[in-house]
PDB file of N, CA and C in Angstrom:
ATOM      1  N   UNK A   1       0.286 -24.026  14.343  1.00  0.00           N
ATOM      2  CA  UNK A   1      -0.619 -22.907  14.046  1.00  0.00           C
ATOM      3  C   UNK A   1      -1.802 -23.057  14.917  1.00  0.00           C
ATOM      4  N   UNK A   2      -2.362 -21.906  15.452  1.00  0.00           N
ATOM      5  CA  UNK A   2      -3.460 -21.876  16.433  1.00  0.00           C
ATOM      6  C   UNK A   2      -4.755 -22.250  15.694  1.00  0.00           C
ATOM      7  N   UNK A   3      -5.755 -22.546  16.501  1.00  0.00           N
ATOM      8  CA  UNK A   3      -7.108 -22.868  15.920  1.00  0.00           C
ATOM      9  C   UNK A   3      -7.950 -21.689  15.689  1.00  0.00           C
ATOM     10  N   UNK A   4      -7.449 -20.440  15.861  1.00  0.00           N
ATOM     11  CA  UNK A   4      -8.285 -19.388  15.737  1.00  0.00           C
ATOM     12  C   UNK A   4      -8.333 -18.691  14.365  1.00  0.00           C
ATOM     13  N   UNK A   5      -8.200 -19.580  13.266  1.00  0.00           N
ATOM     14  CA  UNK A   5      -8.203 -19.070  11.953  1.00  0.00           C
ATOM     15  C   UNK A   5      -9.164 -19.965  11.185  1.00  0.00           C
ATOM     16  N   UNK A   6      -9.377 -19.541   9.853  1.00  0.00           N
ATOM     17  CA  UNK A   6     -10.314 -20.361   9.020  1.00  0.00           C
ATOM     18  C   UNK A   6      -9.556 -20.990   7.809  1.00  0.00           C
ATOM     19  N   UNK A   7      -8.419 -21.446   8.065  1.00  0.00           N
ATOM     20  CA  UNK A   7      -7.522 -21.991   7.005  1.00  0.00           C
ATOM     21  C   UNK A   7      -8.183 -23.321   6.588  1.00  0.00           C
ATOM     22  N   UNK A   8      -8.072 -23.574   5.312  1.00  0.00           N
ATOM     23  CA  UNK A   8      -8.685 -24.819   4.723  1.00  0.00           C
ATOM     24  C   UNK A   8      -7.876 -26.029   4.897  1.00  0.00           C
ATOM     25  N   UNK A   9      -6.650 -25.889   5.359  1.00  0.00           N
ATOM     26  CA  UNK A   9      -5.716 -27.050   5.572  1.00  0.00           C
ATOM     27  C   UNK A   9      -4.788 -26.762   6.580  1.00  0.00           C
ATOM     28  N   UNK A  10      -3.989 -27.805   6.934  1.00  0.00           N
ATOM     29  CA  UNK A  10      -2.920 -27.734   8.015  1.00  0.00           C
ATOM     30  C   UNK A  10      -1.905 -26.971   7.499  1.00  0.00           C
ATOM     31  N   UNK A  11      -1.570 -26.782   6.232  1.00  0.00           N
ATOM     32  CA  UNK A  11      -0.593 -26.117   5.566  1.00  0.00           C
ATOM     33  C   UNK A  11      -1.181 -24.966   4.723  1.00  0.00           C
ATOM     34  N   UNK A  12      -1.527 -23.849   5.454  1.00  0.00           N
ATOM     35  CA  UNK A  12      -2.210 -22.797   4.529  1.00  0.00           C
ATOM     36  C   UNK A  12      -1.242 -22.253   3.511  1.00  0.00           C
ATOM     37  N   UNK A  13      -1.753 -21.704   2.427  1.00  0.00           N
ATOM     38  CA  UNK A  13      -1.036 -20.999   1.377  1.00  0.00           C
ATOM     39  C   UNK A  13      -0.602 -19.660   1.819  1.00  0.00           C
ATOM     40  N   UNK A  14       0.295 -19.040   1.167  1.00  0.00           N
ATOM     41  CA  UNK A  14       0.725 -17.753   1.460  1.00  0.00           C
ATOM     42  C   UNK A  14      -0.455 -16.756   1.414  1.00  0.00           C
ATOM     43  N   UNK A  15      -1.256 -16.988   0.360  1.00  0.00           N
ATOM     44  CA  UNK A  15      -2.449 -16.002   0.234  1.00  0.00           C
ATOM     45  C   UNK A  15      -3.344 -16.184   1.480  1.00  0.00           C
ATOM     46  N   UNK A  16      -3.528 -17.434   1.998  1.00  0.00           N
ATOM     47  CA  UNK A  16      -4.361 -17.656   3.123  1.00  0.00           C
ATOM     48  C   UNK A  16      -3.724 -17.037   4.394  1.00  0.00           C
ATOM     49  N   UNK A  17      -2.474 -17.111   4.470  1.00  0.00           N
ATOM     50  CA  UNK A  17      -1.754 -16.401   5.638  1.00  0.00           C
ATOM     51  C   UNK A  17      -1.958 -14.946   5.585  1.00  0.00           C
ATOM     52  N   UNK A  18      -1.995 -14.354   4.401  1.00  0.00           N
ATOM     53  CA  UNK A  18      -2.292 -12.981   4.283  1.00  0.00           C
ATOM     54  C   UNK A  18      -3.710 -12.478   4.676  1.00  0.00           C
ATOM     55  N   UNK A  19      -4.589 -13.569   4.887  1.00  0.00           N
ATOM     56  CA  UNK A  19      -5.937 -13.210   5.297  1.00  0.00           C
ATOM     57  C   UNK A  19      -6.065 -13.280   6.769  1.00  0.00           C
ATOM     58  N   UNK A  20      -5.039 -13.750   7.475  1.00  0.00           N
ATOM     59  CA  UNK A  20      -5.151 -14.014   8.963  1.00  0.00           C
ATOM     60  C   UNK A  20      -5.167 -12.762   9.736  1.00  0.00           C
ATOM     61  N   UNK A  21      -5.711 -12.805  10.871  1.00  0.00           N
ATOM     62  CA  UNK A  21      -5.713 -11.646  11.829  1.00  0.00           C
ATOM     63  C   UNK A  21      -4.315 -11.293  12.258  1.00  0.00           C
ATOM     64  N   UNK A  22      -3.321 -12.275  12.353  1.00  0.00           N
ATOM     65  CA  UNK A  22      -1.994 -11.828  12.631  1.00  0.00           C
ATOM     66  C   UNK A  22      -1.412 -10.902  11.613  1.00  0.00           C
ATOM     67  N   UNK A  23      -1.654 -11.258  10.315  1.00  0.00           N
ATOM     68  CA  UNK A  23      -1.076 -10.434   9.272  1.00  0.00           C
ATOM     69  C   UNK A  23      -1.807  -9.083   9.375  1.00  0.00           C
ATOM     70  N   UNK A  24      -3.048  -9.070   9.499  1.00  0.00           N
ATOM     71  CA  UNK A  24      -3.876  -7.892   9.447  1.00  0.00           C
ATOM     72  C   UNK A  24      -3.314  -6.910  10.486  1.00  0.00           C
ATOM     73  N   UNK A  25      -3.005  -7.345  11.670  1.00  0.00           N
ATOM     74  CA  UNK A  25      -2.435  -6.516  12.730  1.00  0.00           C
ATOM     75  C   UNK A  25      -1.017  -6.040  12.389  1.00  0.00           C
ATOM     76  N   UNK A  26      -0.262  -6.860  11.855  1.00  0.00           N
ATOM     77  CA  UNK A  26       1.157  -6.505  11.502  1.00  0.00           C
ATOM     78  C   UNK A  26       1.107  -5.544  10.293  1.00  0.00           C
ATOM     79  N   UNK A  27       0.200  -5.760   9.358  1.00  0.00           N
ATOM     80  CA  UNK A  27       0.185  -4.819   8.191  1.00  0.00           C
ATOM     81  C   UNK A  27      -0.316  -3.410   8.684  1.00  0.00           C
ATOM     82  N   UNK A  28      -1.276  -3.399   9.600  1.00  0.00           N
ATOM     83  CA  UNK A  28      -1.692  -2.114  10.080  1.00  0.00           C
ATOM     84  C   UNK A  28      -0.567  -1.357  10.832  1.00  0.00           C
ATOM     85  N   UNK A  29       0.275  -2.087  11.572  1.00  0.00           N
ATOM     86  CA  UNK A  29       1.483  -1.460  12.250  1.00  0.00           C
ATOM     87  C   UNK A  29       2.436  -0.856  11.265  1.00  0.00           C
ATOM     88  N   UNK A  30       2.629  -1.536  10.117  1.00  0.00           N
ATOM     89  CA  UNK A  30       3.492  -0.989   9.111  1.00  0.00           C
ATOM     90  C   UNK A  30       2.911   0.201   8.400  1.00  0.00           C
ATOM     91  N   UNK A  31       1.684   0.090   8.072  1.00  0.00           N
ATOM     92  CA  UNK A  31       0.953   1.307   7.477  1.00  0.00           C
ATOM     93  C   UNK A  31       0.990   2.499   8.318  1.00  0.00           C
ATOM     94  N   UNK A  32       0.770   2.281   9.591  1.00  0.00           N
ATOM     95  CA  UNK A  32       0.814   3.427  10.616  1.00  0.00           C
ATOM     96  C   UNK A  32       2.173   4.001  10.596  1.00  0.00           C
ATOM     97  N   UNK A  33       3.226   3.084  10.813  1.00  0.00           N
ATOM     98  CA  UNK A  33       4.589   3.598  10.743  1.00  0.00           C
ATOM     99  C   UNK A  33       4.956   4.388   9.571  1.00  0.00           C
ATOM    100  N   UNK A  34       4.443   3.981   8.356  1.00  0.00           N
ATOM    101  CA  UNK A  34       4.745   4.696   7.174  1.00  0.00           C
ATOM    102  C   UNK A  34       3.730   5.800   6.772  1.00  0.00           C
ATOM    103  N   UNK A  35       2.873   6.185   7.761  1.00  0.00           N
ATOM    104  CA  UNK A  35       1.935   7.272   7.634  1.00  0.00           C
ATOM    105  C   UNK A  35       1.040   7.081   6.573  1.00  0.00           C
ATOM    106  N   UNK A  36       0.578   5.746   6.360  1.00  0.00           N
ATOM    107  CA  UNK A  36      -0.378   5.311   5.369  1.00  0.00           C
ATOM    108  C   UNK A  36      -0.240   6.038   3.966  1.00  0.00           C
ATOM    109  N   UNK A  37       1.089   5.915   3.550  1.00  0.00           N
ATOM    110  CA  UNK A  37       1.485   6.438   2.174  1.00  0.00           C
ATOM    111  C   UNK A  37       2.604   5.616   1.654  1.00  0.00           C
ATOM    112  N   UNK A  38       2.617   5.391   0.306  1.00  0.00           N
ATOM    113  CA  UNK A  38       3.650   4.662  -0.313  1.00  0.00           C
ATOM    114  C   UNK A  38       5.060   5.364  -0.001  1.00  0.00           C
ATOM    115  N   UNK A  39       5.994   4.507   0.347  1.00  0.00           N
ATOM    116  CA  UNK A  39       7.335   5.010   0.587  1.00  0.00           C
ATOM    117  C   UNK A  39       8.195   5.390  -0.640  1.00  0.00           C
ATOM    118  N   UNK A  40       7.636   5.048  -1.815  1.00  0.00           N
ATOM    119  CA  UNK A  40       8.382   5.295  -3.148  1.00  0.00           C
ATOM    120  C   UNK A  40       7.677   6.603  -3.698  1.00  0.00           C
ATOM    121  N   UNK A  41       6.464   6.643  -3.942  1.00  0.00           N
ATOM    122  CA  UNK A  41       5.801   7.847  -4.713  1.00  0.00           C
ATOM    123  C   UNK A  41       4.907   8.731  -3.755  1.00  0.00           C
ATOM    124  N   UNK A  42       4.595   8.216  -2.555  1.00  0.00           N
ATOM    125  CA  UNK A  42       3.821   9.115  -1.612  1.00  0.00           C
ATOM    126  C   UNK A  42       2.350   8.836  -1.742  1.00  0.00           C
ATOM    127  N   UNK A  43       1.850   8.039  -2.700  1.00  0.00           N
ATOM    128  CA  UNK A  43       0.391   7.835  -2.892  1.00  0.00           C
ATOM    129  C   UNK A  43      -0.180   7.201  -1.613  1.00  0.00           C
ATOM    130  N   UNK A  44      -1.491   7.424  -1.500  1.00  0.00           N
ATOM    131  CA  UNK A  44      -2.225   6.983  -0.373  1.00  0.00           C
ATOM    132  C   UNK A  44      -3.324   5.992  -0.858  1.00  0.00           C
ATOM    133  N   UNK A  45      -3.145   5.503  -2.020  1.00  0.00           N
ATOM    134  CA  UNK A  45      -4.175   4.662  -2.735  1.00  0.00           C
ATOM    135  C   UNK A  45      -3.590   3.238  -2.820  1.00  0.00           C
ATOM    136  N   UNK A  46      -4.473   2.220  -2.739  1.00  0.00           N
ATOM    137  CA  UNK A  46      -4.136   0.923  -2.934  1.00  0.00           C
ATOM    138  C   UNK A  46      -2.945   0.428  -2.222  1.00  0.00           C
ATOM    139  N   UNK A  47      -2.841   0.816  -0.995  1.00  0.00           N
ATOM    140  CA  UNK A  47      -1.604   0.530  -0.205  1.00  0.00           C
ATOM    141  C   UNK A  47      -1.420  -1.023   0.152  1.00  0.00           C
ATOM    142  N   UNK A  48      -0.282  -1.465  -0.022  1.00  0.00           N
ATOM    143  CA  UNK A  48       0.163  -2.861   0.343  1.00  0.00           C
ATOM    144  C   UNK A  48       1.422  -2.850   1.186  1.00  0.00           C
ATOM    145  N   UNK A  49       1.647  -3.859   1.921  1.00  0.00           N
ATOM    146  CA  UNK A  49       2.867  -4.026   2.647  1.00  0.00           C
ATOM    147  C   UNK A  49       3.694  -5.132   2.040  1.00  0.00           C
ATOM    148  N   UNK A  50       4.794  -4.736   1.572  1.00  0.00           N
ATOM    149  CA  UNK A  50       5.753  -5.513   0.835  1.00  0.00           C
ATOM    150  C   UNK A  50       6.876  -6.155   1.703  1.00  0.00           C
ATOM    151  N   UNK A  51       7.141  -7.311   1.587  1.00  0.00           N
ATOM    152  CA  UNK A  51       8.353  -8.008   2.247  1.00  0.00           C
ATOM    153  C   UNK A  51       9.542  -7.811   1.282  1.00  0.00           C
ATOM    154  N   UNK A  52      10.535  -7.172   1.837  1.00  0.00           N
ATOM    155  CA  UNK A  52      11.810  -6.887   1.193  1.00  0.00           C
ATOM    156  C   UNK A  52      12.573  -8.176   0.965  1.00  0.00           C
ATOM    157  N   UNK A  53      12.453  -9.236   1.772  1.00  0.00           N
ATOM    158  CA  UNK A  53      13.145 -10.450   1.683  1.00  0.00           C
ATOM    159  C   UNK A  53      12.240 -11.567   2.429  1.00  0.00           C
ATOM    160  N   UNK A  54      12.523 -12.663   2.082  1.00  0.00           N
ATOM    161  CA  UNK A  54      11.890 -13.902   2.713  1.00  0.00           C
ATOM    162  C   UNK A  54      12.944 -14.640   3.418  1.00  0.00           C
ATOM    163  N   UNK A  55      12.508 -15.339   4.517  1.00  0.00           N
ATOM    164  CA  UNK A  55      13.417 -16.181   5.320  1.00  0.00           C
ATOM    165  C   UNK A  55      12.951 -17.540   5.386  1.00  0.00           C
ATOM    166  N   UNK A  56      13.659 -18.436   4.888  1.00  0.00           N
ATOM    167  CA  UNK A  56      13.371 -19.900   5.153  1.00  0.00           C
ATOM    168  C   UNK A  56      14.175 -20.430   6.331  1.00  0.00           C
ATOM    169  N   UNK A  57      13.318 -20.971   7.243  1.00  0.00           N
ATOM    170  CA  UNK A  57      13.869 -21.408   8.523  1.00  0.00           C
ATOM    171  C   UNK A  57      14.247 -22.899   8.379  1.00  0.00           C
ATOM    172  N   UNK A  58      15.542 -23.214   8.212  1.00  0.00           N
ATOM    173  CA  UNK A  58      16.003 -24.562   8.061  1.00  0.00           C
ATOM    174  C   UNK A  58      15.523 -25.451   9.155  1.00  0.00           C
ATOM    175  N   UNK A  59      15.580 -24.975  10.351  1.00  0.00           N
ATOM    176  CA  UNK A  59      15.195 -25.798  11.569  1.00  0.00           C
ATOM    177  C   UNK A  59      13.755 -26.209  11.533  1.00  0.00           C
ATOM    178  N   UNK A  60      12.858 -25.437  10.877  1.00  0.00           N
ATOM    179  CA  UNK A  60      11.447 -25.663  10.797  1.00  0.00           C
ATOM    180  C   UNK A  60      11.013 -26.324   9.504  1.00  0.00           C
ATOM    181  N   UNK A  61      12.016 -26.148   8.482  1.00  0.00           N
ATOM    182  CA  UNK A  61      11.700 -26.631   7.125  1.00  0.00           C
ATOM    183  C   UNK A  61      10.438 -25.842   6.495  1.00  0.00           C
ATOM    184  N   UNK A  62      10.417 -24.570   6.891  1.00  0.00           N
ATOM    185  CA  UNK A  62       9.386 -23.736   6.360  1.00  0.00           C
ATOM    186  C   UNK A  62       9.676 -22.289   6.325  1.00  0.00           C
ATOM    187  N   UNK A  63       8.997 -21.451   5.705  1.00  0.00           N
ATOM    188  CA  UNK A  63       9.228 -20.009   5.725  1.00  0.00           C
ATOM    189  C   UNK A  63       8.681 -19.433   6.982  1.00  0.00           C
ATOM    190  N   UNK A  64       9.282 -18.185   7.387  1.00  0.00           N
ATOM    191  CA  UNK A  64       8.754 -17.391   8.434  1.00  0.00           C
ATOM    192  C   UNK A  64       7.299 -17.059   8.029  1.00  0.00           C
ATOM    193  N   UNK A  65       6.396 -16.926   8.898  1.00  0.00           N
ATOM    194  CA  UNK A  65       5.080 -16.375   8.709  1.00  0.00           C
ATOM    195  C   UNK A  65       5.177 -14.887   8.379  1.00  0.00           C
ATOM    196  N   UNK A  66       4.209 -14.388   7.466  1.00  0.00           N
ATOM    197  CA  UNK A  66       4.384 -13.013   7.018  1.00  0.00           C
ATOM    198  C   UNK A  66       4.468 -12.008   8.111  1.00  0.00           C
ATOM    199  N   UNK A  67       3.838 -12.297   9.231  1.00  0.00           N
ATOM    200  CA  UNK A  67       3.825 -11.325  10.332  1.00  0.00           C
ATOM    201  C   UNK A  67       5.046 -11.406  11.277  1.00  0.00           C
ATOM    202  N   UNK A  68       5.873 -12.426  11.106  1.00  0.00           N
ATOM    203  CA  UNK A  68       7.112 -12.612  11.953  1.00  0.00           C
ATOM    204  C   UNK A  68       8.313 -11.771  11.479  1.00  0.00           C
ATOM    205  N   UNK A  69       8.291 -11.049  10.456  1.00  0.00           N
ATOM    206  CA  UNK A  69       9.372 -10.219   9.976  1.00  0.00           C
ATOM    207  C   UNK A  69       9.523  -8.970  10.785  1.00  0.00           C
ATOM    208  N   UNK A  70      10.808  -8.521  10.953  1.00  0.00           N
ATOM    209  CA  UNK A  70      11.158  -7.319  11.548  1.00  0.00           C
ATOM    210  C   UNK A  70      10.708  -6.162  10.662  1.00  0.00           C
ATOM    211  N   UNK A  71      10.507  -4.967  11.380  1.00  0.00           N
ATOM    212  CA  UNK A  71      10.044  -3.792  10.619  1.00  0.00           C
ATOM    213  C   UNK A  71      11.000  -3.440   9.407  1.00  0.00           C
ATOM    214  N   UNK A  72      12.317  -3.599   9.632  1.00  0.00           N
ATOM    215  CA  UNK A  72      13.163  -3.279   8.432  1.00  0.00           C
ATOM    216  C   UNK A  72      12.923  -3.958   7.157  1.00  0.00           C
ATOM    217  N   UNK A  73      12.336  -5.121   7.291  1.00  0.00           N
ATOM    218  CA  UNK A  73      12.005  -6.007   6.180  1.00  0.00           C
ATOM    219  C   UNK A  73      10.618  -5.833   5.536  1.00  0.00           C
ATOM    220  N   UNK A  74       9.894  -4.855   6.053  1.00  0.00           N
ATOM    221  CA  UNK A  74       8.452  -4.532   5.543  1.00  0.00           C
ATOM    222  C   UNK A  74       8.418  -3.114   5.159  1.00  0.00           C
ATOM    223  N   UNK A  75       7.715  -2.817   4.086  1.00  0.00           N
ATOM    224  CA  UNK A  75       7.553  -1.462   3.590  1.00  0.00           C
ATOM    225  C   UNK A  75       6.316  -1.243   2.973  1.00  0.00           C
ATOM    226  N   UNK A  76       5.657  -0.085   3.081  1.00  0.00           N
ATOM    227  CA  UNK A  76       4.399   0.240   2.537  1.00  0.00           C
ATOM    228  C   UNK A  76       4.670   0.715   1.078  1.00  0.00           C
ATOM    229  N   UNK A  77       3.940   0.161   0.124  1.00  0.00           N
ATOM    230  CA  UNK A  77       3.932   0.505  -1.309  1.00  0.00           C
ATOM    231  C   UNK A  77       2.544   0.608  -1.786  1.00  0.00           C
ATOM    232  N   UNK A  78       2.279   1.494  -2.820  1.00  0.00           N
ATOM    233  CA  UNK A  78       1.013   1.441  -3.526  1.00  0.00           C
ATOM    234  C   UNK A  78       1.051   0.260  -4.477  1.00  0.00           C
ATOM    235  N   UNK A  79      -0.097  -0.099  -5.014  1.00  0.00           N
ATOM    236  CA  UNK A  79      -0.051  -1.256  -5.942  1.00  0.00           C
ATOM    237  C   UNK A  79       0.796  -1.227  -7.038  1.00  0.00           C
ATOM    238  N   UNK A  80       0.885   0.110  -7.656  1.00  0.00           N
ATOM    239  CA  UNK A  80       1.666   0.273  -8.766  1.00  0.00           C
ATOM    240  C   UNK A  80       3.131   0.179  -8.508  1.00  0.00           C
ATOM    241  N   UNK A  81       3.612   0.819  -7.483  1.00  0.00           N
ATOM    242  CA  UNK A  81       5.039   0.671  -7.137  1.00  0.00           C
ATOM    243  C   UNK A  81       5.394  -0.757  -6.685  1.00  0.00           C
ATOM    244  N   UNK A  82       4.492  -1.474  -6.056  1.00  0.00           N
ATOM    245  CA  UNK A  82       4.727  -2.787  -5.689  1.00  0.00           C
ATOM    246  C   UNK A  82       4.873  -3.676  -6.806  1.00  0.00           C
ATOM    247  N   UNK A  83       4.018  -3.554  -7.838  1.00  0.00           N
ATOM    248  CA  UNK A  83       3.973  -4.372  -9.054  1.00  0.00           C
ATOM    249  C   UNK A  83       5.314  -4.044  -9.870  1.00  0.00           C
ATOM    250  N   UNK A  84       5.605  -2.694  -9.933  1.00  0.00           N
ATOM    251  CA  UNK A  84       6.764  -2.285 -10.699  1.00  0.00           C
ATOM    252  C   UNK A  84       8.107  -2.899 -10.022  1.00  0.00           C
ATOM    253  N   UNK A  85       8.130  -2.785  -8.794  1.00  0.00           N
ATOM    254  CA  UNK A  85       9.247  -3.355  -8.043  1.00  0.00           C
ATOM    255  C   UNK A  85       9.538  -4.882  -8.262  1.00  0.00           C
ATOM    256  N   UNK A  86       8.330  -5.596  -8.235  1.00  0.00           N
ATOM    257  CA  UNK A  86       8.500  -7.044  -8.626  1.00  0.00           C
ATOM    258  C   UNK A  86       8.961  -7.283 -10.018  1.00  0.00           C
ATOM    259  N   UNK A  87       8.630  -6.410 -10.882  1.00  0.00           N
ATOM    260  CA  UNK A  87       9.133  -6.561 -12.371  1.00  0.00           C
ATOM    261  C   UNK A  87      10.602  -6.251 -12.459  1.00  0.00           C
ATOM    262  N   UNK A  88      11.098  -5.447 -11.662  1.00  0.00           N
ATOM    263  CA  UNK A  88      12.528  -4.977 -11.771  1.00  0.00           C
ATOM    264  C   UNK A  88      13.401  -5.862 -10.844  1.00  0.00           C
ATOM    265  N   UNK A  89      12.942  -6.144  -9.692  1.00  0.00           N
ATOM    266  CA  UNK A  89      13.835  -6.911  -8.732  1.00  0.00           C
ATOM    267  C   UNK A  89      13.314  -8.248  -8.286  1.00  0.00           C
ATOM    268  N   UNK A  90      14.031  -9.105  -7.949  1.00  0.00           N
ATOM    269  CA  UNK A  90      13.675 -10.382  -7.325  1.00  0.00           C
ATOM    270  C   UNK A  90      13.698 -10.220  -5.787  1.00  0.00           C
ATOM    271  N   UNK A  91      12.740 -10.710  -4.975  1.00  0.00           N
ATOM    272  CA  UNK A  91      12.898 -10.599  -3.614  1.00  0.00           C
ATOM    273  C   UNK A  91      13.727 -11.739  -3.164  1.00  0.00           C
ATOM    274  N   UNK A  92      14.794 -11.487  -2.447  1.00  0.00           N
ATOM    275  CA  UNK A  92      15.695 -12.524  -2.092  1.00  0.00           C
ATOM    276  C   UNK A  92      15.160 -13.413  -0.971  1.00  0.00           C
ATOM    277  N   UNK A  93      15.583 -14.707  -0.944  1.00  0.00           N
ATOM    278  CA  UNK A  93      15.209 -15.613   0.082  1.00  0.00           C
ATOM    279  C   UNK A  93      16.468 -15.967   0.817  1.00  0.00           C
ATOM    280  N   UNK A  94      16.466 -15.865   2.054  1.00  0.00           N
ATOM    281  CA  UNK A  94      17.580 -16.217   2.885  1.00  0.00           C
ATOM    282  C   UNK A  94      17.300 -17.534   3.666  1.00  0.00           C
ATOM    283  N   UNK A  95      18.209 -18.456   3.615  1.00  0.00           N
ATOM    284  CA  UNK A  95      18.099 -19.736   4.351  1.00  0.00           C
ATOM    285  C   UNK A  95      18.876 -19.636   5.681  1.00  0.00           C
ATOM    286  N   UNK A  96      18.067 -19.618   6.808  1.00  0.00           N
ATOM    287  CA  UNK A  96      18.614 -19.371   8.109  1.00  0.00           C
ATOM    288  C   UNK A  96      18.274 -20.461   8.969  1.00  0.00           C
TER     289      UNK A  96
END
């Protein structure tokens, strides 16, 4: 990990990674792609970028960083649709 962040430890939490400039840039790219609206209900409020799946990299013994995912694995959702989706579905983890 580079030294251009404010992480409190050598192994930042997922929440800390979501505060990084790298994720901020990637999040903005997905919001722009999705026209700044929820892909489920069309809302433009409380937008979040959801990971459709997670990838554990066996060779590194760690998960991909949130900003390293391909476009197809990221989707813009409003807070309500994001929460409802997590109640209904489990986000799959692939070990690669």
